């Protein structure tokens, strides 16, 4: 009876303990899930101390964040260096441009001053071909007595030639033209009966365009050759404009 009793009691107990163990296991699992969720939520708000794995994860995150911050700082520093380099280059280019402009202005002022001096040195066209001084007292100093007017006429035997001076555009050419014409007038004034005849500036210019010196000296406008290789091109030799201008002068009514 005791065995049956214990066996019966065991069976009875076992039947009652089995559901209790299942309920305990389910409760423990639920508690674990809830605990994990609560721990995660608390950790997100910084309410829990990190577990054993948290320091490593935090260190890795901190290292990654530090590397990202360093990379961003380096990128900004590189961008700033590039900006400063570009600014310095632009400033240097501006300085070079200003220096070049200053040199050009100085050269232009120098040439303009020389041209003004040459223009001021031109003799007045009043009675300059008579060979007389301003007071009418006879030949000018340096004149040849044999080449002076006699009773308003030159002695026989003269063989005058015409002076043709080729010229082109530019301040330098204008300066040369004025100086040459000045000495032409000077010789005509000193020796009016020499073989020195008329004067023509053969002015080569694109499309035969006039310039500001048309009223200063006798000028014939002729076309300037184009660049390159053609019937009316300079073939890379710009001095070809001189004989080309003479050809045009011969063909003209001048």
Foldseek 3Di string as FASTA:
>chain_A
DVVVVVVVVVVVVVVVVVVVVVVVVVVVVVVVVVVVVVVVVCVVVVNDDDDPCVVVVVVVVVVVVVVVVVVVVVVVVVVVVVVVVVVVVVVVVVVVVVVVVVVVVVVVVVLVVLLVVLVVLADDPPCLQQQADPVRPHHDPPADPQQHDDPNHHDPDAAADEAEAEFEDDSVRSSVVSNVVSVLSNNSSRRVRHNHDYYEYLYEYAVQDDDPCVVVGHYDTDYQADDDDDPRHPNPPRVVRVVVSVVVVVVDPD
